[in-house]
């Protein structure tokens, strides 16, 4: 079992099993910038690197209004409706 750390509360790590891997990735991926300084720079570089290795995948960019609060419900629903996967990252 793999340990996944939740950046919102690392006092009690959550243990989750990873989903079975198929060896390929198809669909759309949401890249969520949480609005911390230079988060857009990180996402730009990540998007470019992923696009090189995953030519059939569509990447969509999203940005939270502020890093101090969870994403608004409307944004979360939009991301879930438009994508198959989500990558959320922060940078300072």
PDB file of N, CA and C in Angstrom:
ATOM      1  N   UNK A   1       0.841  -1.176   0.000  1.00  0.00           N
ATOM      2  CA  UNK A   1       0.000   0.000   0.000  1.00  0.00           C
ATOM      3  C   UNK A   1       0.886   1.239   0.000  1.00  0.00           C
ATOM      4  N   UNK A   2       0.499   2.221  -0.763  1.00  0.00           N
ATOM      5  CA  UNK A   2       1.264   3.456  -0.910  1.00  0.00           C
ATOM      6  C   UNK A   2       0.713   4.536   0.013  1.00  0.00           C
ATOM      7  N   UNK A   3       1.600   5.302   0.596  1.00  0.00           N
ATOM      8  CA  UNK A   3       1.188   6.405   1.453  1.00  0.00           C
ATOM      9  C   UNK A   3       1.113   7.674   0.625  1.00  0.00           C
ATOM     10  N   UNK A   4      -0.030   8.341   0.658  1.00  0.00           N
ATOM     11  CA  UNK A   4      -0.232   9.601  -0.040  1.00  0.00           C
ATOM     12  C   UNK A   4      -0.401  10.681   1.019  1.00  0.00           C
ATOM     13  N   UNK A   5       0.438  11.706   0.960  1.00  0.00           N
ATOM     14  CA  UNK A   5       0.350  12.772   1.956  1.00  0.00           C
ATOM     15  C   UNK A   5      -0.603  13.848   1.481  1.00  0.00           C
ATOM     16  N   UNK A   6      -1.479  14.249   2.370  1.00  0.00           N
ATOM     17  CA  UNK A   6      -2.450  15.302   2.093  1.00  0.00           C
ATOM     18  C   UNK A   6      -1.866  16.607   2.624  1.00  0.00           C
ATOM     19  N   UNK A   7      -1.583  17.577   1.749  1.00  0.00           N
ATOM     20  CA  UNK A   7      -0.942  18.805   2.219  1.00  0.00           C
ATOM     21  C   UNK A   7      -1.816  19.653   3.138  1.00  0.00           C
ATOM     22  N   UNK A   8      -3.109  19.343   3.239  1.00  0.00           N
ATOM     23  CA  UNK A   8      -3.969  20.128   4.119  1.00  0.00           C
ATOM     24  C   UNK A   8      -3.917  19.641   5.557  1.00  0.00           C
ATOM     25  N   UNK A   9      -3.432  18.412   5.795  1.00  0.00           N
ATOM     26  CA  UNK A   9      -3.360  17.897   7.159  1.00  0.00           C
ATOM     27  C   UNK A   9      -2.460  16.667   7.188  1.00  0.00           C
ATOM     28  N   UNK A  10      -1.171  16.881   7.435  1.00  0.00           N
ATOM     29  CA  UNK A  10      -0.222  15.773   7.432  1.00  0.00           C
ATOM     30  C   UNK A  10      -0.035  15.167   8.822  1.00  0.00           C
ATOM     31  N   UNK A  11      -0.824  15.552   9.788  1.00  0.00           N
ATOM     32  CA  UNK A  11      -0.669  14.981  11.127  1.00  0.00           C
ATOM     33  C   UNK A  11      -1.021  13.503  11.143  1.00  0.00           C
ATOM     34  N   UNK A  12      -1.980  13.127  10.334  1.00  0.00           N
ATOM     35  CA  UNK A  12      -2.396  11.722  10.262  1.00  0.00           C
ATOM     36  C   UNK A  12      -2.372  11.307   8.781  1.00  0.00           C
ATOM     37  N   UNK A  13      -1.243  10.717   8.311  1.00  0.00           N
ATOM     38  CA  UNK A  13      -1.178  10.311   6.900  1.00  0.00           C
ATOM     39  C   UNK A  13      -2.274   9.306   6.559  1.00  0.00           C
ATOM     40  N   UNK A  14      -2.839   9.459   5.379  1.00  0.00           N
ATOM     41  CA  UNK A  14      -3.903   8.585   4.910  1.00  0.00           C
ATOM     42  C   UNK A  14      -3.288   7.502   4.045  1.00  0.00           C
ATOM     43  N   UNK A  15      -3.664   6.252   4.293  1.00  0.00           N
ATOM     44  CA  UNK A  15      -3.178   5.148   3.463  1.00  0.00           C
ATOM     45  C   UNK A  15      -4.242   4.807   2.440  1.00  0.00           C
ATOM     46  N   UNK A  16      -3.828   4.799   1.168  1.00  0.00           N
ATOM     47  CA  UNK A  16      -4.745   4.472   0.079  1.00  0.00           C
ATOM     48  C   UNK A  16      -4.043   3.541  -0.885  1.00  0.00           C
ATOM     49  N   UNK A  17      -4.814   2.665  -1.491  1.00  0.00           N
ATOM     50  CA  UNK A  17      -4.266   1.818  -2.541  1.00  0.00           C
ATOM     51  C   UNK A  17      -4.316   2.591  -3.850  1.00  0.00           C
ATOM     52  N   UNK A  18      -3.255   2.494  -4.639  1.00  0.00           N
ATOM     53  CA  UNK A  18      -3.250   3.143  -5.941  1.00  0.00           C
ATOM     54  C   UNK A  18      -4.135   2.370  -6.898  1.00  0.00           C
ATOM     55  N   UNK A  19      -4.749   3.066  -7.830  1.00  0.00           N
ATOM     56  CA  UNK A  19      -5.560   2.420  -8.860  1.00  0.00           C
ATOM     57  C   UNK A  19      -4.661   1.600  -9.771  1.00  0.00           C
ATOM     58  N   UNK A  20      -5.229   0.582 -10.368  1.00  0.00           N
ATOM     59  CA  UNK A  20      -4.471  -0.241 -11.294  1.00  0.00           C
ATOM     60  C   UNK A  20      -4.029   0.608 -12.486  1.00  0.00           C
ATOM     61  N   UNK A  21      -2.801   0.426 -12.915  1.00  0.00           N
ATOM     62  CA  UNK A  21      -2.246   1.188 -14.027  1.00  0.00           C
ATOM     63  C   UNK A  21      -2.412   0.408 -15.327  1.00  0.00           C
ATOM     64  N   UNK A  22      -2.797   1.105 -16.394  1.00  0.00           N
ATOM     65  CA  UNK A  22      -3.010   0.460 -17.680  1.00  0.00           C
ATOM     66  C   UNK A  22      -1.789   0.551 -18.580  1.00  0.00           C
ATOM     67  N   UNK A  23      -0.858   1.416 -18.265  1.00  0.00           N
ATOM     68  CA  UNK A  23       0.309   1.606 -19.104  1.00  0.00           C
ATOM     69  C   UNK A  23       0.135   2.728 -20.119  1.00  0.00           C
ATOM     70  N   UNK A  24      -1.065   3.274 -20.227  1.00  0.00           N
ATOM     71  CA  UNK A  24      -1.295   4.397 -21.133  1.00  0.00           C
ATOM     72  C   UNK A  24      -2.240   5.382 -20.462  1.00  0.00           C
ATOM     73  N   UNK A  25      -2.253   6.582 -20.991  1.00  0.00           N
ATOM     74  CA  UNK A  25      -3.110   7.622 -20.431  1.00  0.00           C
ATOM     75  C   UNK A  25      -3.852   8.290 -21.574  1.00  0.00           C
ATOM     76  N   UNK A  26      -5.157   8.340 -21.468  1.00  0.00           N
ATOM     77  CA  UNK A  26      -5.995   8.993 -22.470  1.00  0.00           C
ATOM     78  C   UNK A  26      -6.967   9.911 -21.761  1.00  0.00           C
ATOM     79  N   UNK A  27      -7.377  10.951 -22.450  1.00  0.00           N
ATOM     80  CA  UNK A  27      -8.377  11.845 -21.880  1.00  0.00           C
ATOM     81  C   UNK A  27      -7.809  13.219 -21.625  1.00  0.00           C
ATOM     82  N   UNK A  28      -8.388  13.875 -20.644  1.00  0.00           N
ATOM     83  CA  UNK A  28      -7.974  15.237 -20.327  1.00  0.00           C
ATOM     84  C   UNK A  28      -7.514  15.319 -18.877  1.00  0.00           C
ATOM     85  N   UNK A  29      -6.532  16.175 -18.664  1.00  0.00           N
ATOM     86  CA  UNK A  29      -5.932  16.358 -17.344  1.00  0.00           C
ATOM     87  C   UNK A  29      -6.084  17.817 -16.939  1.00  0.00           C
ATOM     88  N   UNK A  30      -6.635  18.037 -15.763  1.00  0.00           N
ATOM     89  CA  UNK A  30      -6.727  19.382 -15.203  1.00  0.00           C
ATOM     90  C   UNK A  30      -5.427  19.697 -14.479  1.00  0.00           C
ATOM     91  N   UNK A  31      -4.836  20.828 -14.783  1.00  0.00           N
ATOM     92  CA  UNK A  31      -3.660  21.325 -14.071  1.00  0.00           C
ATOM     93  C   UNK A  31      -4.118  22.519 -13.248  1.00  0.00           C
ATOM     94  N   UNK A  32      -4.145  22.350 -11.944  1.00  0.00           N
ATOM     95  CA  UNK A  32      -4.722  23.364 -11.055  1.00  0.00           C
ATOM     96  C   UNK A  32      -3.618  24.121 -10.331  1.00  0.00           C
ATOM     97  N   UNK A  33      -3.557  25.399 -10.583  1.00  0.00           N
ATOM     98  CA  UNK A  33      -2.644  26.317  -9.907  1.00  0.00           C
ATOM     99  C   UNK A  33      -3.403  26.850  -8.694  1.00  0.00           C
ATOM    100  N   UNK A  34      -2.827  26.696  -7.502  1.00  0.00           N
ATOM    101  CA  UNK A  34      -3.563  27.116  -6.309  1.00  0.00           C
ATOM    102  C   UNK A  34      -3.355  28.592  -5.972  1.00  0.00           C
ATOM    103  N   UNK A  35      -2.674  29.333  -6.828  1.00  0.00           N
ATOM    104  CA  UNK A  35      -2.470  30.780  -6.686  1.00  0.00           C
ATOM    105  C   UNK A  35      -1.359  31.169  -5.728  1.00  0.00           C
ATOM    106  N   UNK A  36      -0.430  30.267  -5.463  1.00  0.00           N
ATOM    107  CA  UNK A  36       0.746  30.669  -4.697  1.00  0.00           C
ATOM    108  C   UNK A  36       1.740  31.289  -5.669  1.00  0.00           C
ATOM    109  N   UNK A  37       2.654  32.119  -5.160  1.00  0.00           N
ATOM    110  CA  UNK A  37       3.650  32.737  -6.042  1.00  0.00           C
ATOM    111  C   UNK A  37       4.425  31.682  -6.837  1.00  0.00           C
ATOM    112  N   UNK A  38       4.586  31.925  -8.118  1.00  0.00           N
ATOM    113  CA  UNK A  38       5.324  31.095  -9.066  1.00  0.00           C
ATOM    114  C   UNK A  38       4.667  29.746  -9.358  1.00  0.00           C
ATOM    115  N   UNK A  39       3.453  29.560  -8.888  1.00  0.00           N
ATOM    116  CA  UNK A  39       2.724  28.335  -9.211  1.00  0.00           C
ATOM    117  C   UNK A  39       2.474  28.225 -10.700  1.00  0.00           C
ATOM    118  N   UNK A  40       2.252  29.363 -11.348  1.00  0.00           N
ATOM    119  CA  UNK A  40       2.041  29.348 -12.798  1.00  0.00           C
ATOM    120  C   UNK A  40       3.293  28.905 -13.539  1.00  0.00           C
ATOM    121  N   UNK A  41       4.470  29.260 -13.009  1.00  0.00           N
ATOM    122  CA  UNK A  41       5.733  28.853 -13.621  1.00  0.00           C
ATOM    123  C   UNK A  41       5.882  27.334 -13.520  1.00  0.00           C
ATOM    124  N   UNK A  42       5.597  26.793 -12.353  1.00  0.00           N
ATOM    125  CA  UNK A  42       5.652  25.346 -12.162  1.00  0.00           C
ATOM    126  C   UNK A  42       4.692  24.639 -13.114  1.00  0.00           C
ATOM    127  N   UNK A  43       3.463  25.125 -13.215  1.00  0.00           N
ATOM    128  CA  UNK A  43       2.471  24.489 -14.075  1.00  0.00           C
ATOM    129  C   UNK A  43       2.840  24.614 -15.548  1.00  0.00           C
ATOM    130  N   UNK A  44       3.424  25.740 -15.948  1.00  0.00           N
ATOM    131  CA  UNK A  44       3.873  25.892 -17.336  1.00  0.00           C
ATOM    132  C   UNK A  44       4.902  24.813 -17.679  1.00  0.00           C
ATOM    133  N   UNK A  45       5.869  24.634 -16.806  1.00  0.00           N
ATOM    134  CA  UNK A  45       6.926  23.646 -17.061  1.00  0.00           C
ATOM    135  C   UNK A  45       6.374  22.225 -16.999  1.00  0.00           C
ATOM    136  N   UNK A  46       5.515  21.973 -16.052  1.00  0.00           N
ATOM    137  CA  UNK A  46       4.909  20.648 -15.945  1.00  0.00           C
ATOM    138  C   UNK A  46       4.077  20.325 -17.180  1.00  0.00           C
ATOM    139  N   UNK A  47       3.279  21.270 -17.633  1.00  0.00           N
ATOM    140  CA  UNK A  47       2.442  21.066 -18.821  1.00  0.00           C
ATOM    141  C   UNK A  47       3.307  20.781 -20.043  1.00  0.00           C
ATOM    142  N   UNK A  48       4.399  21.528 -20.198  1.00  0.00           N
ATOM    143  CA  UNK A  48       5.279  21.324 -21.351  1.00  0.00           C
ATOM    144  C   UNK A  48       5.914  19.938 -21.311  1.00  0.00           C
ATOM    145  N   UNK A  49       6.399  19.530 -20.157  1.00  0.00           N
ATOM    146  CA  UNK A  49       7.041  18.205 -20.036  1.00  0.00           C
ATOM    147  C   UNK A  49       6.046  17.082 -20.254  1.00  0.00           C
ATOM    148  N   UNK A  50       4.862  17.205 -19.673  1.00  0.00           N
ATOM    149  CA  UNK A  50       3.856  16.158 -19.842  1.00  0.00           C
ATOM    150  C   UNK A  50       3.381  16.070 -21.293  1.00  0.00           C
ATOM    151  N   UNK A  51       3.218  17.217 -21.943  1.00  0.00           N
ATOM    152  CA  UNK A  51       2.756  17.232 -23.335  1.00  0.00           C
ATOM    153  C   UNK A  51       3.752  16.524 -24.247  1.00  0.00           C
ATOM    154  N   UNK A  52       5.041  16.627 -23.936  1.00  0.00           N
ATOM    155  CA  UNK A  52       6.069  15.940 -24.727  1.00  0.00           C
ATOM    156  C   UNK A  52       5.922  14.425 -24.646  1.00  0.00           C
ATOM    157  N   UNK A  53       5.639  13.923 -23.467  1.00  0.00           N
ATOM    158  CA  UNK A  53       5.589  12.469 -23.274  1.00  0.00           C
ATOM    159  C   UNK A  53       4.188  11.884 -23.417  1.00  0.00           C
ATOM    160  N   UNK A  54       3.166  12.723 -23.447  1.00  0.00           N
ATOM    161  CA  UNK A  54       1.780  12.252 -23.561  1.00  0.00           C
ATOM    162  C   UNK A  54       1.068  13.019 -24.675  1.00  0.00           C
ATOM    163  N   UNK A  55       1.436  12.767 -25.939  1.00  0.00           N
ATOM    164  CA  UNK A  55       0.901  13.575 -27.037  1.00  0.00           C
ATOM    165  C   UNK A  55      -0.611  13.469 -27.233  1.00  0.00           C
ATOM    166  N   UNK A  56      -1.241  12.384 -26.816  1.00  0.00           N
ATOM    167  CA  UNK A  56      -2.678  12.231 -27.024  1.00  0.00           C
ATOM    168  C   UNK A  56      -3.544  12.776 -25.903  1.00  0.00           C
ATOM    169  N   UNK A  57      -2.913  13.371 -24.909  1.00  0.00           N
ATOM    170  CA  UNK A  57      -3.645  13.860 -23.738  1.00  0.00           C
ATOM    171  C   UNK A  57      -3.855  15.366 -23.857  1.00  0.00           C
ATOM    172  N   UNK A  58      -5.049  15.807 -23.502  1.00  0.00           N
ATOM    173  CA  UNK A  58      -5.361  17.239 -23.505  1.00  0.00           C
ATOM    174  C   UNK A  58      -5.164  17.779 -22.090  1.00  0.00           C
ATOM    175  N   UNK A  59      -4.480  18.899 -21.974  1.00  0.00           N
ATOM    176  CA  UNK A  59      -4.249  19.519 -20.667  1.00  0.00           C
ATOM    177  C   UNK A  59      -5.044  20.811 -20.587  1.00  0.00           C
ATOM    178  N   UNK A  60      -5.766  20.977 -19.483  1.00  0.00           N
ATOM    179  CA  UNK A  60      -6.565  22.186 -19.249  1.00  0.00           C
ATOM    180  C   UNK A  60      -6.062  22.855 -17.975  1.00  0.00           C
ATOM    181  N   UNK A  61      -5.968  24.161 -18.028  1.00  0.00           N
ATOM    182  CA  UNK A  61      -5.440  24.911 -16.889  1.00  0.00           C
ATOM    183  C   UNK A  61      -6.572  25.558 -16.106  1.00  0.00           C
ATOM    184  N   UNK A  62      -6.423  25.540 -14.785  1.00  0.00           N
ATOM    185  CA  UNK A  62      -7.378  26.160 -13.866  1.00  0.00           C
ATOM    186  C   UNK A  62      -6.575  26.863 -12.779  1.00  0.00           C
ATOM    187  N   UNK A  63      -7.198  27.847 -12.148  1.00  0.00           N
ATOM    188  CA  UNK A  63      -6.527  28.580 -11.068  1.00  0.00           C
ATOM    189  C   UNK A  63      -7.533  28.872  -9.965  1.00  0.00           C
ATOM    190  N   UNK A  64      -7.154  28.510  -8.749  1.00  0.00           N
ATOM    191  CA  UNK A  64      -7.983  28.857  -7.597  1.00  0.00           C
ATOM    192  C   UNK A  64      -7.884  30.354  -7.352  1.00  0.00           C
ATOM    193  N   UNK A  65      -8.928  30.975  -6.816  1.00  0.00           N
ATOM    194  CA  UNK A  65      -8.863  32.413  -6.528  1.00  0.00           C
ATOM    195  C   UNK A  65      -7.841  32.747  -5.441  1.00  0.00           C
ATOM    196  N   UNK A  66      -7.635  31.838  -4.496  1.00  0.00           N
ATOM    197  CA  UNK A  66      -6.691  32.065  -3.403  1.00  0.00           C
ATOM    198  C   UNK A  66      -6.196  30.728  -2.870  1.00  0.00           C
ATOM    199  N   UNK A  67      -4.961  30.700  -2.413  1.00  0.00           N
ATOM    200  CA  UNK A  67      -4.432  29.463  -1.839  1.00  0.00           C
ATOM    201  C   UNK A  67      -4.860  29.271  -0.388  1.00  0.00           C
ATOM    202  N   UNK A  68      -5.450  30.284   0.221  1.00  0.00           N
ATOM    203  CA  UNK A  68      -5.795  30.211   1.642  1.00  0.00           C
ATOM    204  C   UNK A  68      -7.089  29.456   1.923  1.00  0.00           C
ATOM    205  N   UNK A  69      -7.845  29.151   0.878  1.00  0.00           N
ATOM    206  CA  UNK A  69      -9.120  28.453   1.061  1.00  0.00           C
ATOM    207  C   UNK A  69      -9.258  27.355   0.019  1.00  0.00           C
ATOM    208  N   UNK A  70     -10.105  26.360   0.288  1.00  0.00           N
ATOM    209  CA  UNK A  70     -10.365  25.344  -0.738  1.00  0.00           C
ATOM    210  C   UNK A  70     -10.959  25.988  -1.992  1.00  0.00           C
ATOM    211  N   UNK A  71     -10.824  25.300  -3.107  1.00  0.00           N
ATOM    212  CA  UNK A  71     -11.402  25.796  -4.359  1.00  0.00           C
ATOM    213  C   UNK A  71     -12.910  25.924  -4.203  1.00  0.00           C
ATOM    214  N   UNK A  72     -13.508  26.950  -4.797  1.00  0.00           N
ATOM    215  CA  UNK A  72     -14.964  27.096  -4.733  1.00  0.00           C
ATOM    216  C   UNK A  72     -15.658  25.873  -5.354  1.00  0.00           C
ATOM    217  N   UNK A  73     -16.839  25.571  -4.843  1.00  0.00           N
ATOM    218  CA  UNK A  73     -17.588  24.410  -5.336  1.00  0.00           C
ATOM    219  C   UNK A  73     -17.797  24.457  -6.846  1.00  0.00           C
ATOM    220  N   UNK A  74     -18.094  25.623  -7.389  1.00  0.00           N
ATOM    221  CA  UNK A  74     -18.331  25.731  -8.835  1.00  0.00           C
ATOM    222  C   UNK A  74     -17.082  25.345  -9.624  1.00  0.00           C
ATOM    223  N   UNK A  75     -15.913  25.758  -9.157  1.00  0.00           N
ATOM    224  CA  UNK A  75     -14.667  25.413  -9.833  1.00  0.00           C
ATOM    225  C   UNK A  75     -14.403  23.915  -9.733  1.00  0.00           C
ATOM    226  N   UNK A  76     -14.630  23.338  -8.564  1.00  0.00           N
ATOM    227  CA  UNK A  76     -14.431  21.886  -8.401  1.00  0.00           C
ATOM    228  C   UNK A  76     -15.364  21.099  -9.307  1.00  0.00           C
ATOM    229  N   UNK A  77     -16.614  21.534  -9.414  1.00  0.00           N
ATOM    230  CA  UNK A  77     -17.565  20.845 -10.296  1.00  0.00           C
ATOM    231  C   UNK A  77     -17.134  20.976 -11.752  1.00  0.00           C
ATOM    232  N   UNK A  78     -16.670  22.150 -12.147  1.00  0.00           N
ATOM    233  CA  UNK A  78     -16.208  22.365 -13.517  1.00  0.00           C
ATOM    234  C   UNK A  78     -15.016  21.459 -13.836  1.00  0.00           C
ATOM    235  N   UNK A  79     -14.060  21.408 -12.936  1.00  0.00           N
ATOM    236  CA  UNK A  79     -12.881  20.557 -13.142  1.00  0.00           C
ATOM    237  C   UNK A  79     -13.300  19.096 -13.264  1.00  0.00           C
ATOM    238  N   UNK A  80     -14.178  18.642 -12.386  1.00  0.00           N
ATOM    239  CA  UNK A  80     -14.633  17.243 -12.421  1.00  0.00           C
ATOM    240  C   UNK A  80     -15.400  16.933 -13.704  1.00  0.00           C
ATOM    241  N   UNK A  81     -16.195  17.867 -14.175  1.00  0.00           N
ATOM    242  CA  UNK A  81     -17.006  17.638 -15.370  1.00  0.00           C
ATOM    243  C   UNK A  81     -16.176  17.637 -16.648  1.00  0.00           C
ATOM    244  N   UNK A  82     -15.090  18.394 -16.674  1.00  0.00           N
ATOM    245  CA  UNK A  82     -14.323  18.576 -17.903  1.00  0.00           C
ATOM    246  C   UNK A  82     -13.091  17.699 -18.023  1.00  0.00           C
ATOM    247  N   UNK A  83     -12.747  16.937 -16.973  1.00  0.00           N
ATOM    248  CA  UNK A  83     -11.474  16.214 -16.971  1.00  0.00           C
ATOM    249  C   UNK A  83     -11.599  14.805 -16.419  1.00  0.00           C
ATOM    250  N   UNK A  84     -10.603  13.994 -16.773  1.00  0.00           N
ATOM    251  CA  UNK A  84     -10.523  12.629 -16.269  1.00  0.00           C
ATOM    252  C   UNK A  84      -9.538  12.528 -15.094  1.00  0.00           C
ATOM    253  N   UNK A  85      -8.562  13.419 -15.058  1.00  0.00           N
ATOM    254  CA  UNK A  85      -7.510  13.408 -14.041  1.00  0.00           C
ATOM    255  C   UNK A  85      -7.238  14.830 -13.581  1.00  0.00           C
ATOM    256  N   UNK A  86      -6.656  14.954 -12.380  1.00  0.00           N
ATOM    257  CA  UNK A  86      -6.318  16.272 -11.833  1.00  0.00           C
ATOM    258  C   UNK A  86      -4.910  16.236 -11.266  1.00  0.00           C
ATOM    259  N   UNK A  87      -4.127  17.265 -11.584  1.00  0.00           N
ATOM    260  CA  UNK A  87      -2.840  17.504 -10.939  1.00  0.00           C
ATOM    261  C   UNK A  87      -2.925  18.882 -10.329  1.00  0.00           C
ATOM    262  N   UNK A  88      -2.727  18.929  -9.025  1.00  0.00           N
ATOM    263  CA  UNK A  88      -2.740  20.212  -8.318  1.00  0.00           C
ATOM    264  C   UNK A  88      -1.373  20.404  -7.703  1.00  0.00           C
ATOM    265  N   UNK A  89      -0.795  21.579  -7.871  1.00  0.00           N
ATOM    266  CA  UNK A  89       0.536  21.805  -7.356  1.00  0.00           C
ATOM    267  C   UNK A  89       0.681  23.230  -6.853  1.00  0.00           C
ATOM    268  N   UNK A  90       1.694  23.417  -6.011  1.00  0.00           N
ATOM    269  CA  UNK A  90       1.979  24.748  -5.517  1.00  0.00           C
ATOM    270  C   UNK A  90       3.474  24.999  -5.607  1.00  0.00           C
ATOM    271  N   UNK A  91       3.834  26.238  -5.562  1.00  0.00           N
ATOM    272  CA  UNK A  91       5.252  26.604  -5.587  1.00  0.00           C
ATOM    273  C   UNK A  91       5.417  27.963  -4.927  1.00  0.00           C
ATOM    274  N   UNK A  92       6.558  28.181  -4.388  1.00  0.00           N
ATOM    275  CA  UNK A  92       6.910  29.482  -3.796  1.00  0.00           C
ATOM    276  C   UNK A  92       8.248  29.917  -4.345  1.00  0.00           C
TER     277      UNK A  92
END
